[in-house]
Amino acid sequence: MKKLLLIIFSILLILNRSVMVTELKKFIPVEINGWKKYGDDRIFNSKTIFDYINGSGEVYCSYNFRILLVREFRKSGQPPIIVDFFDMGSSEDAFGVFSHDYENQELGIGQGSFYLAGSLTFWKGPYFVSIWAEKENEEIKKTIFKLAESISNAIPEKGSLPELIGYLPDEKLDRKNIKFFHNHYSLNYHYYLSEENILNLNQKTKAVFGEYRFEDARAFILIVKYLIEKEAENAIISFIKNYVPEAGKNRILQIENGKWISFGKCKEIVYILLDFPEKSLAEKYSDIIKNSLKEIKHE
């Protein structure tokens, strides 16, 4: 019976993957500006992505991507253009993987887009798309933009930004550079907190990280949502023990570098303010976050 169930489950996975691949193919044209689809599309999952992307496959896996479709376009006398089309499974993770390395340039493509030296990336709905060529010229750039617009327009639905972004205070926030992620390695990529996973982050936690600019100073706010309140409680205990053991009952304090931090918990949500240049600012922004979470009982 177990063997039969395993076979049925495997068949269902194959069928589901086939449906996803078929869906992705519908969004990508087969010809554009004289560039034509070359060869068969290549398909990768979380186990095989490292055969295609060596060294950065971990990033996509950290956002729980489901499938990657790669389509190549060729035109005589021109370098090939490659489309990497990721089904991330959710708009949160599509935004997250875009935010990992890029700032929104507001190119009018998708829900966030970035272009640099022959490479255009964007996200829309649950999808993240990267279109690139090894060499850039005006014709290639024009074609990449046209291809991106075609794919974006073919994706019918828009996605929602991560809910946690709404808890970030808006004043002085760099809205083009907000990060969303799940795990400890992603946090340390954006802000090195500790070699150890002192906030107990995992693939099911959700976190946003915002940057604030005060004249010559930069400060940051991290907000993490855990599955249950107990996990948030444990995270706060671990943070105090490993990062600010001198805090005691204080929730706003100055650390060795002269900057101010603040932290707190609201049910299953933990918030941490880092590198604030003045105590008054740390207090002000802590209060804003608390007010934004006023429906949640604060400790």
C-alpha atoms as a PDB file:
ATOM      1  CA  MET A   1       0.000   0.000   0.000  1.00  0.00           C
ATOM      2  CA  LYS A   2       2.816   2.437   0.904  1.00  0.00           C
ATOM      3  CA  LYS A   3       4.538   1.701  -2.388  1.00  0.00           C
ATOM      4  CA  LEU A   4       1.303   2.337  -4.290  1.00  0.00           C
ATOM      5  CA  LEU A   5       0.755   5.633  -2.472  1.00  0.00           C
ATOM      6  CA  LEU A   6       4.311   6.662  -3.267  1.00  0.00           C
ATOM      7  CA  ILE A   7       3.758   5.909  -6.951  1.00  0.00           C
ATOM      8  CA  ILE A   8       0.511   7.894  -6.996  1.00  0.00           C
ATOM      9  CA  PHE A   9       2.195  10.809  -5.233  1.00  0.00           C
ATOM     10  CA  SER A  10       5.062  10.760  -7.756  1.00  0.00           C
ATOM     11  CA  ILE A  11       2.615  10.762 -10.671  1.00  0.00           C
ATOM     12  CA  LEU A  12       0.737  13.706  -9.178  1.00  0.00           C
ATOM     13  CA  LEU A  13       3.992  15.632  -8.774  1.00  0.00           C
ATOM     14  CA  ILE A  14       4.904  15.001 -12.402  1.00  0.00           C
ATOM     15  CA  LEU A  15       1.449  16.097 -13.584  1.00  0.00           C
ATOM     16  CA  ASN A  16       1.578  19.228 -11.415  1.00  0.00           C
ATOM     17  CA  ARG A  17       5.023  20.102 -12.749  1.00  0.00           C
ATOM     18  CA  SER A  18       3.776  19.617 -16.309  1.00  0.00           C
ATOM     19  CA  VAL A  19       0.886  22.005 -15.666  1.00  0.00           C
ATOM     20  CA  MET A  20       3.244  24.622 -14.190  1.00  0.00           C
ATOM     21  CA  VAL A  21       5.630  24.374 -17.154  1.00  0.00           C
ATOM     22  CA  THR A  22       2.771  24.710 -19.633  1.00  0.00           C
ATOM     23  CA  GLU A  23       1.541  27.785 -17.764  1.00  0.00           C
ATOM     24  CA  LEU A  24       4.956  29.451 -17.819  1.00  0.00           C
ATOM     25  CA  LYS A  25       5.442  28.822 -21.544  1.00  0.00           C
ATOM     26  CA  LYS A  26       2.253  30.754 -22.312  1.00  0.00           C
ATOM     27  CA  PHE A  27       3.792  33.965 -20.982  1.00  0.00           C
ATOM     28  CA  ILE A  28       6.910  33.979 -23.170  1.00  0.00           C
ATOM     29  CA  PRO A  29       6.801  34.717 -26.915  1.00  0.00           C
ATOM     30  CA  VAL A  30       8.652  32.506 -29.388  1.00  0.00           C
ATOM     31  CA  GLU A  31       9.861  35.398 -31.539  1.00  0.00           C
ATOM     32  CA  ILE A  32      10.533  39.090 -30.946  1.00  0.00           C
ATOM     33  CA  ASN A  33      12.403  41.754 -32.967  1.00  0.00           C
ATOM     34  CA  GLY A  34      13.883  39.052 -35.206  1.00  0.00           C
ATOM     35  CA  TRP A  35      15.134  36.952 -32.289  1.00  0.00           C
ATOM     36  CA  LYS A  36      13.633  33.463 -32.398  1.00  0.00           C
ATOM     37  CA  LYS A  37      13.341  30.745 -29.793  1.00  0.00           C
ATOM     38  CA  TYR A  38      16.336  28.439 -30.059  1.00  0.00           C
ATOM     39  CA  GLY A  39      16.180  24.796 -29.002  1.00  0.00           C
ATOM     40  CA  ASP A  40      13.997  23.332 -26.284  1.00  0.00           C
ATOM     41  CA  ASP A  41      13.145  25.135 -23.062  1.00  0.00           C
ATOM     42  CA  ARG A  42      15.127  23.901 -20.097  1.00  0.00           C
ATOM     43  CA  ILE A  43      13.405  23.153 -16.810  1.00  0.00           C
ATOM     44  CA  PHE A  44      14.983  23.171 -13.335  1.00  0.00           C
ATOM     45  CA  ASN A  45      13.731  22.602  -9.799  1.00  0.00           C
ATOM     46  CA  SER A  46      15.277  23.126  -6.362  1.00  0.00           C
ATOM     47  CA  LYS A  47      17.452  20.031  -6.780  1.00  0.00           C
ATOM     48  CA  THR A  48      18.678  20.649 -10.317  1.00  0.00           C
ATOM     49  CA  ILE A  49      19.027  24.447 -10.300  1.00  0.00           C
ATOM     50  CA  PHE A  50      22.676  24.126  -9.278  1.00  0.00           C
ATOM     51  CA  ASP A  51      23.356  22.480 -12.636  1.00  0.00           C
ATOM     52  CA  TYR A  52      22.354  25.779 -14.241  1.00  0.00           C
ATOM     53  CA  ILE A  53      23.183  28.501 -11.707  1.00  0.00           C
ATOM     54  CA  ASN A  54      26.410  27.686  -9.906  1.00  0.00           C
ATOM     55  CA  GLY A  55      26.939  29.742  -6.768  1.00  0.00           C
ATOM     56  CA  SER A  56      23.628  31.592  -6.480  1.00  0.00           C
ATOM     57  CA  GLY A  57      21.117  28.746  -6.599  1.00  0.00           C
ATOM     58  CA  GLU A  58      20.890  28.943  -2.818  1.00  0.00           C
ATOM     59  CA  VAL A  59      19.279  32.375  -3.096  1.00  0.00           C
ATOM     60  CA  TYR A  60      16.338  31.061  -5.109  1.00  0.00           C
ATOM     61  CA  CYS A  61      15.994  28.029  -2.859  1.00  0.00           C
ATOM     62  CA  SER A  62      15.891  30.321   0.165  1.00  0.00           C
ATOM     63  CA  TYR A  63      12.731  31.840  -1.331  1.00  0.00           C
ATOM     64  CA  ASN A  64      11.108  28.440  -1.882  1.00  0.00           C
ATOM     65  CA  PHE A  65      10.933  28.703  -5.671  1.00  0.00           C
ATOM     66  CA  ARG A  66       8.956  25.957  -7.401  1.00  0.00           C
ATOM     67  CA  ILE A  67      10.272  25.792 -10.950  1.00  0.00           C
ATOM     68  CA  LEU A  68      12.555  27.622 -13.382  1.00  0.00           C
ATOM     69  CA  LEU A  69      12.014  27.722 -17.144  1.00  0.00           C
ATOM     70  CA  VAL A  70      14.921  28.874 -19.322  1.00  0.00           C
ATOM     71  CA  ARG A  71      14.319  29.961 -22.914  1.00  0.00           C
ATOM     72  CA  GLU A  72      17.032  31.067 -25.326  1.00  0.00           C
ATOM     73  CA  PHE A  73      16.551  33.457 -28.260  1.00  0.00           C
ATOM     74  CA  ARG A  74      18.954  33.816 -31.171  1.00  0.00           C
ATOM     75  CA  LYS A  75      19.398  36.155 -34.134  1.00  0.00           C
ATOM     76  CA  SER A  76      22.123  36.021 -36.762  1.00  0.00           C
ATOM     77  CA  GLY A  77      25.042  38.268 -35.962  1.00  0.00           C
ATOM     78  CA  GLN A  78      23.854  38.971 -32.406  1.00  0.00           C
ATOM     79  CA  PRO A  79      24.582  37.412 -29.006  1.00  0.00           C
ATOM     80  CA  PRO A  80      21.798  35.172 -27.645  1.00  0.00           C
ATOM     81  CA  ILE A  81      19.221  36.540 -25.223  1.00  0.00           C
ATOM     82  CA  ILE A  82      18.220  34.343 -22.290  1.00  0.00           C
ATOM     83  CA  VAL A  83      14.976  34.399 -20.321  1.00  0.00           C
ATOM     84  CA  ASP A  84      15.053  32.887 -16.819  1.00  0.00           C
ATOM     85  CA  PHE A  85      11.427  32.605 -15.694  1.00  0.00           C
ATOM     86  CA  PHE A  86      10.879  31.590 -12.063  1.00  0.00           C
ATOM     87  CA  ASP A  87       7.598  30.458 -10.551  1.00  0.00           C
ATOM     88  CA  MET A  88       8.174  31.479  -6.940  1.00  0.00           C
ATOM     89  CA  GLY A  89       4.839  30.154  -5.673  1.00  0.00           C
ATOM     90  CA  SER A  90       3.799  33.467  -4.053  1.00  0.00           C
ATOM     91  CA  SER A  91       4.032  37.176  -4.741  1.00  0.00           C
ATOM     92  CA  GLU A  92       5.823  37.642  -1.406  1.00  0.00           C
ATOM     93  CA  ASP A  93       8.671  35.428  -2.526  1.00  0.00           C
ATOM     94  CA  ALA A  94       8.694  36.904  -6.040  1.00  0.00           C
ATOM     95  CA  PHE A  95       9.151  40.341  -4.480  1.00  0.00           C
ATOM     96  CA  GLY A  96      11.632  38.892  -1.995  1.00  0.00           C
ATOM     97  CA  VAL A  97      13.980  37.346  -4.529  1.00  0.00           C
ATOM     98  CA  PHE A  98      13.837  40.563  -6.597  1.00  0.00           C
ATOM     99  CA  SER A  99      14.627  42.640  -3.499  1.00  0.00           C
ATOM    100  CA  HIS A 100      17.562  40.416  -2.563  1.00  0.00           C
ATOM    101  CA  ASP A 101      19.956  42.021  -5.038  1.00  0.00           C
ATOM    102  CA  TYR A 102      18.077  44.824  -6.761  1.00  0.00           C
ATOM    103  CA  GLU A 103      16.573  48.230  -6.065  1.00  0.00           C
ATOM    104  CA  ASN A 104      13.363  49.151  -7.865  1.00  0.00           C
ATOM    105  CA  GLN A 105      14.205  51.550 -10.705  1.00  0.00           C
ATOM    106  CA  GLU A 106      10.556  52.074 -11.639  1.00  0.00           C
ATOM    107  CA  LEU A 107      10.997  51.192 -15.307  1.00  0.00           C
ATOM    108  CA  GLY A 108       7.273  50.609 -15.659  1.00  0.00           C
ATOM    109  CA  ILE A 109       7.727  46.866 -16.148  1.00  0.00           C
ATOM    110  CA  GLY A 110       6.040  44.409 -13.814  1.00  0.00           C
ATOM    111  CA  GLN A 111       5.659  45.464 -10.191  1.00  0.00           C
ATOM    112  CA  GLY A 112       9.329  46.245  -9.717  1.00  0.00           C
ATOM    113  CA  SER A 113      12.178  46.248 -12.231  1.00  0.00           C
ATOM    114  CA  PHE A 114      15.901  46.858 -12.596  1.00  0.00           C
ATOM    115  CA  TYR A 115      18.221  47.169 -15.593  1.00  0.00           C
ATOM    116  CA  LEU A 116      22.006  47.172 -15.821  1.00  0.00           C
ATOM    117  CA  ALA A 117      24.409  46.354 -18.654  1.00  0.00           C
ATOM    118  CA  GLY A 118      22.297  43.979 -20.704  1.00  0.00           C
ATOM    119  CA  SER A 119      20.374  42.438 -17.806  1.00  0.00           C
ATOM    120  CA  LEU A 120      16.766  43.267 -16.890  1.00  0.00           C
ATOM    121  CA  THR A 121      14.950  41.734 -13.933  1.00  0.00           C
ATOM    122  CA  PHE A 122      11.388  42.229 -12.753  1.00  0.00           C
ATOM    123  CA  TRP A 123       8.684  40.621 -10.645  1.00  0.00           C
ATOM    124  CA  LYS A 124       4.953  40.401 -11.107  1.00  0.00           C
ATOM    125  CA  GLY A 125       2.449  38.247  -9.258  1.00  0.00           C
ATOM    126  CA  PRO A 126       4.177  35.031  -8.159  1.00  0.00           C
ATOM    127  CA  TYR A 127       6.823  35.279 -10.890  1.00  0.00           C
ATOM    128  CA  PHE A 128      10.397  36.558 -11.017  1.00  0.00           C
ATOM    129  CA  VAL A 129      11.954  37.091 -14.439  1.00  0.00           C
ATOM    130  CA  SER A 130      15.544  37.723 -15.486  1.00  0.00           C
ATOM    131  CA  ILE A 131      16.351  38.572 -19.135  1.00  0.00           C
ATOM    132  CA  TRP A 132      19.975  38.941 -20.087  1.00  0.00           C
ATOM    133  CA  ALA A 133      22.604  38.891 -22.816  1.00  0.00           C
ATOM    134  CA  GLU A 134      26.352  38.522 -22.418  1.00  0.00           C
ATOM    135  CA  LYS A 135      26.980  41.618 -24.552  1.00  0.00           C
ATOM    136  CA  GLU A 136      24.950  44.803 -24.817  1.00  0.00           C
ATOM    137  CA  ASN A 137      24.204  47.076 -27.746  1.00  0.00           C
ATOM    138  CA  GLU A 138      21.260  49.321 -28.547  1.00  0.00           C
ATOM    139  CA  GLU A 139      19.393  46.634 -30.487  1.00  0.00           C
ATOM    140  CA  ILE A 140      19.840  44.081 -27.712  1.00  0.00           C
ATOM    141  CA  LYS A 141      18.759  46.570 -25.053  1.00  0.00           C
ATOM    142  CA  LYS A 142      15.673  47.509 -27.066  1.00  0.00           C
ATOM    143  CA  THR A 143      14.790  43.842 -27.559  1.00  0.00           C
ATOM    144  CA  ILE A 144      15.296  42.970 -23.891  1.00  0.00           C
ATOM    145  CA  PHE A 145      12.924  45.759 -22.863  1.00  0.00           C
ATOM    146  CA  LYS A 146      10.357  44.746 -25.470  1.00  0.00           C
ATOM    147  CA  LEU A 147      10.603  41.120 -24.382  1.00  0.00           C
ATOM    148  CA  ALA A 148      10.189  42.082 -20.723  1.00  0.00           C
ATOM    149  CA  GLU A 149       7.133  44.203 -21.532  1.00  0.00           C
ATOM    150  CA  SER A 150       5.610  41.345 -23.528  1.00  0.00           C
ATOM    151  CA  ILE A 151       6.075  38.857 -20.698  1.00  0.00           C
ATOM    152  CA  SER A 152       4.841  41.295 -18.059  1.00  0.00           C
ATOM    153  CA  ASN A 153       1.725  42.132 -20.056  1.00  0.00           C
ATOM    154  CA  ALA A 154       1.004  38.413 -20.534  1.00  0.00           C
ATOM    155  CA  ILE A 155       0.963  37.788 -16.785  1.00  0.00           C
ATOM    156  CA  PRO A 156      -2.655  38.562 -15.873  1.00  0.00           C
ATOM    157  CA  GLU A 157      -2.539  39.110 -12.139  1.00  0.00           C
ATOM    158  CA  LYS A 158      -0.628  41.447  -9.886  1.00  0.00           C
ATOM    159  CA  GLY A 159       0.596  40.262  -6.521  1.00  0.00           C
ATOM    160  CA  SER A 160       0.524  41.807  -3.081  1.00  0.00           C
ATOM    161  CA  LEU A 161       3.566  43.133  -1.292  1.00  0.00           C
ATOM    162  CA  PRO A 162       4.455  41.373   1.966  1.00  0.00           C
ATOM    163  CA  GLU A 163       2.055  42.420   4.722  1.00  0.00           C
ATOM    164  CA  LEU A 164       4.932  43.190   7.079  1.00  0.00           C
ATOM    165  CA  ILE A 165       6.025  46.127   4.926  1.00  0.00           C
ATOM    166  CA  GLY A 166       2.983  47.958   6.209  1.00  0.00           C
ATOM    167  CA  TYR A 167       4.476  47.951   9.714  1.00  0.00           C
ATOM    168  CA  LEU A 168       7.633  49.804   8.635  1.00  0.00           C
ATOM    169  CA  PRO A 169       7.423  53.512   9.538  1.00  0.00           C
ATOM    170  CA  ASP A 170       7.234  55.514   6.324  1.00  0.00           C
ATOM    171  CA  GLU A 171       9.216  58.620   7.343  1.00  0.00           C
ATOM    172  CA  LYS A 172      12.800  58.520   5.987  1.00  0.00           C
ATOM    173  CA  LEU A 173      12.271  54.959   4.679  1.00  0.00           C
ATOM    174  CA  ASP A 174      14.087  54.094   1.431  1.00  0.00           C
ATOM    175  CA  ARG A 175      11.072  52.448  -0.216  1.00  0.00           C
ATOM    176  CA  LYS A 176      13.068  51.325  -3.258  1.00  0.00           C
ATOM    177  CA  ASN A 177      15.343  49.197  -1.114  1.00  0.00           C
ATOM    178  CA  ILE A 178      13.062  47.211   1.222  1.00  0.00           C
ATOM    179  CA  LYS A 179      14.077  43.576   1.657  1.00  0.00           C
ATOM    180  CA  PHE A 180      11.895  40.523   2.308  1.00  0.00           C
ATOM    181  CA  PHE A 181      13.320  37.143   3.276  1.00  0.00           C
ATOM    182  CA  HIS A 182      12.973  34.069   5.445  1.00  0.00           C
ATOM    183  CA  ASN A 183      16.232  32.819   6.862  1.00  0.00           C
ATOM    184  CA  HIS A 184      19.324  33.781   8.824  1.00  0.00           C
ATOM    185  CA  TYR A 185      21.654  33.705   5.818  1.00  0.00           C
ATOM    186  CA  SER A 186      19.551  36.271   3.966  1.00  0.00           C
ATOM    187  CA  LEU A 187      19.527  38.542   7.018  1.00  0.00           C
ATOM    188  CA  ASN A 188      23.300  38.424   7.283  1.00  0.00           C
ATOM    189  CA  TYR A 189      23.599  39.190   3.566  1.00  0.00           C
ATOM    190  CA  HIS A 190      21.806  42.499   4.152  1.00  0.00           C
ATOM    191  CA  TYR A 191      22.970  43.192   7.714  1.00  0.00           C
ATOM    192  CA  TYR A 192      25.450  41.072   9.637  1.00  0.00           C
ATOM    193  CA  LEU A 193      23.847  40.436  13.002  1.00  0.00           C
ATOM    194  CA  SER A 194      25.614  37.307  14.207  1.00  0.00           C
ATOM    195  CA  GLU A 195      27.289  34.205  12.865  1.00  0.00           C
ATOM    196  CA  GLU A 196      24.753  32.190  14.829  1.00  0.00           C
ATOM    197  CA  ASN A 197      21.042  32.181  14.051  1.00  0.00           C
ATOM    198  CA  ILE A 198      20.170  34.079  17.221  1.00  0.00           C
ATOM    199  CA  LEU A 199      16.669  35.012  16.009  1.00  0.00           C
ATOM    200  CA  ASN A 200      15.788  31.397  15.149  1.00  0.00           C
ATOM    201  CA  LEU A 201      14.858  32.281  11.576  1.00  0.00           C
ATOM    202  CA  ASN A 202      13.779  29.513   9.206  1.00  0.00           C
ATOM    203  CA  GLN A 203      11.998  28.965   5.890  1.00  0.00           C
ATOM    204  CA  LYS A 204       8.609  29.562   7.522  1.00  0.00           C
ATOM    205  CA  THR A 205       9.438  32.847   9.216  1.00  0.00           C
ATOM    206  CA  LYS A 206       8.757  36.036   7.290  1.00  0.00           C
ATOM    207  CA  ALA A 207      10.953  39.099   7.669  1.00  0.00           C
ATOM    208  CA  VAL A 208      11.213  42.598   6.220  1.00  0.00           C
ATOM    209  CA  PHE A 209      14.221  44.874   6.512  1.00  0.00           C
ATOM    210  CA  GLY A 210      14.007  48.602   5.923  1.00  0.00           C
ATOM    211  CA  GLU A 211      16.752  51.225   5.625  1.00  0.00           C
ATOM    212  CA  TYR A 212      16.347  54.758   6.991  1.00  0.00           C
ATOM    213  CA  ARG A 213      18.499  57.773   6.187  1.00  0.00           C
ATOM    214  CA  PHE A 214      19.084  60.594   8.671  1.00  0.00           C
ATOM    215  CA  GLU A 215      21.431  63.189   7.143  1.00  0.00           C
ATOM    216  CA  ASP A 216      24.799  61.358   7.277  1.00  0.00           C
ATOM    217  CA  ALA A 217      23.528  58.387   9.295  1.00  0.00           C
ATOM    218  CA  ARG A 218      21.782  55.202   8.286  1.00  0.00           C
ATOM    219  CA  ALA A 219      19.538  53.123  10.515  1.00  0.00           C
ATOM    220  CA  PHE A 220      17.606  49.912   9.984  1.00  0.00           C
ATOM    221  CA  ILE A 221      14.423  48.224  11.139  1.00  0.00           C
ATOM    222  CA  LEU A 222      13.891  44.479  11.092  1.00  0.00           C
ATOM    223  CA  ILE A 223      10.411  43.009  11.571  1.00  0.00           C
ATOM    224  CA  VAL A 224       9.922  39.253  11.809  1.00  0.00           C
ATOM    225  CA  LYS A 225       6.715  37.265  11.924  1.00  0.00           C
ATOM    226  CA  TYR A 226       6.835  33.779  13.437  1.00  0.00           C
ATOM    227  CA  LEU A 227       4.261  31.035  13.089  1.00  0.00           C
ATOM    228  CA  ILE A 228       3.314  31.141  16.772  1.00  0.00           C
ATOM    229  CA  GLU A 229       3.867  33.526  19.658  1.00  0.00           C
ATOM    230  CA  LYS A 230       6.096  31.103  21.565  1.00  0.00           C
ATOM    231  CA  GLU A 231       8.634  31.230  18.742  1.00  0.00           C
ATOM    232  CA  ALA A 232       8.677  35.026  18.964  1.00  0.00           C
ATOM    233  CA  GLU A 233       9.185  34.852  22.728  1.00  0.00           C
ATOM    234  CA  ASN A 234      12.121  32.499  22.287  1.00  0.00           C
ATOM    235  CA  ALA A 235      13.604  34.766  19.613  1.00  0.00           C
ATOM    236  CA  ILE A 236      13.533  37.797  21.917  1.00  0.00           C
ATOM    237  CA  ILE A 237      15.143  35.794  24.734  1.00  0.00           C
ATOM    238  CA  SER A 238      17.860  34.571  22.373  1.00  0.00           C
ATOM    239  CA  PHE A 239      18.450  38.060  20.942  1.00  0.00           C
ATOM    240  CA  ILE A 240      18.936  39.563  24.399  1.00  0.00           C
ATOM    241  CA  LYS A 241      21.178  36.745  25.564  1.00  0.00           C
ATOM    242  CA  ASN A 242      23.434  36.755  22.510  1.00  0.00           C
ATOM    243  CA  TYR A 243      23.370  40.368  21.295  1.00  0.00           C
ATOM    244  CA  VAL A 244      22.544  42.701  24.201  1.00  0.00           C
ATOM    245  CA  PRO A 245      22.990  40.781  27.482  1.00  0.00           C
ATOM    246  CA  GLU A 246      23.409  44.132  29.257  1.00  0.00           C
ATOM    247  CA  ALA A 247      19.865  45.173  28.309  1.00  0.00           C
ATOM    248  CA  GLY A 248      18.123  43.841  31.421  1.00  0.00           C
ATOM    249  CA  LYS A 249      14.575  45.179  31.255  1.00  0.00           C
ATOM    250  CA  ASN A 250      15.577  48.026  28.951  1.00  0.00           C
ATOM    251  CA  ARG A 251      14.171  47.888  25.442  1.00  0.00           C
ATOM    252  CA  ILE A 252      15.998  50.991  24.193  1.00  0.00           C
ATOM    253  CA  LEU A 253      19.733  51.199  24.836  1.00  0.00           C
ATOM    254  CA  GLN A 254      22.999  52.527  23.527  1.00  0.00           C
ATOM    255  CA  ILE A 255      25.553  49.931  22.489  1.00  0.00           C
ATOM    256  CA  GLU A 256      29.352  50.008  22.205  1.00  0.00           C
ATOM    257  CA  ASN A 257      29.469  51.758  18.836  1.00  0.00           C
ATOM    258  CA  GLY A 258      27.528  54.684  20.312  1.00  0.00           C
ATOM    259  CA  LYS A 259      24.390  53.967  18.354  1.00  0.00           C
ATOM    260  CA  TRP A 260      20.962  53.117  19.714  1.00  0.00           C
ATOM    261  CA  ILE A 261      18.880  49.997  19.341  1.00  0.00           C
ATOM    262  CA  SER A 262      15.356  49.136  20.379  1.00  0.00           C
ATOM    263  CA  PHE A 263      13.362  45.927  20.272  1.00  0.00           C
ATOM    264  CA  GLY A 264      10.063  44.427  21.286  1.00  0.00           C
ATOM    265  CA  LYS A 265       7.453  41.759  20.616  1.00  0.00           C
ATOM    266  CA  CYS A 266       3.779  41.883  19.688  1.00  0.00           C
ATOM    267  CA  LYS A 267       2.281  38.418  19.804  1.00  0.00           C
ATOM    268  CA  GLU A 268       4.058  36.514  17.011  1.00  0.00           C
ATOM    269  CA  ILE A 269       5.871  39.613  15.673  1.00  0.00           C
ATOM    270  CA  VAL A 270       9.350  40.738  16.753  1.00  0.00           C
ATOM    271  CA  TYR A 271      10.776  44.126  15.787  1.00  0.00           C
ATOM    272  CA  ILE A 272      14.365  45.317  16.143  1.00  0.00           C
ATOM    273  CA  LEU A 273      15.692  48.820  15.464  1.00  0.00           C
ATOM    274  CA  LEU A 274      19.406  49.009  14.677  1.00  0.00           C
ATOM    275  CA  ASP A 275      22.036  51.767  14.375  1.00  0.00           C
ATOM    276  CA  PHE A 276      19.785  54.713  15.236  1.00  0.00           C
ATOM    277  CA  PRO A 277      21.942  57.839  15.743  1.00  0.00           C
ATOM    278  CA  GLU A 278      19.876  59.261  18.611  1.00  0.00           C
ATOM    279  CA  LYS A 279      17.840  57.851  21.475  1.00  0.00           C
ATOM    280  CA  SER A 280      14.919  60.121  20.626  1.00  0.00           C
ATOM    281  CA  LEU A 281      14.744  58.676  17.126  1.00  0.00           C
ATOM    282  CA  ALA A 282      14.822  55.108  18.432  1.00  0.00           C
ATOM    283  CA  GLU A 283      11.995  55.977  20.817  1.00  0.00           C
ATOM    284  CA  LYS A 284      10.005  57.730  18.100  1.00  0.00           C
ATOM    285  CA  TYR A 285      10.240  54.876  15.611  1.00  0.00           C
ATOM    286  CA  SER A 286       9.547  52.239  18.262  1.00  0.00           C
ATOM    287  CA  ASP A 287       6.353  54.091  19.141  1.00  0.00           C
ATOM    288  CA  ILE A 288       5.325  54.267  15.486  1.00  0.00           C
ATOM    289  CA  ILE A 289       5.717  50.502  15.129  1.00  0.00           C
ATOM    290  CA  LYS A 290       3.782  49.869  18.326  1.00  0.00           C
ATOM    291  CA  ASN A 291       0.975  52.087  17.093  1.00  0.00           C
ATOM    292  CA  SER A 292       0.896  50.294  13.754  1.00  0.00           C
ATOM    293  CA  LEU A 293       0.436  47.075  15.704  1.00  0.00           C
ATOM    294  CA  LYS A 294      -2.056  48.586  18.160  1.00  0.00           C
ATOM    295  CA  GLU A 295      -4.545  45.776  17.623  1.00  0.00           C
ATOM    296  CA  ILE A 296      -1.959  43.348  18.969  1.00  0.00           C
ATOM    297  CA  LYS A 297      -1.357  43.292  22.705  1.00  0.00           C
ATOM    298  CA  HIS A 298       2.164  44.461  23.508  1.00  0.00           C
ATOM    299  CA  GLU A 299       4.379  43.090  26.231  1.00  0.00           C
END
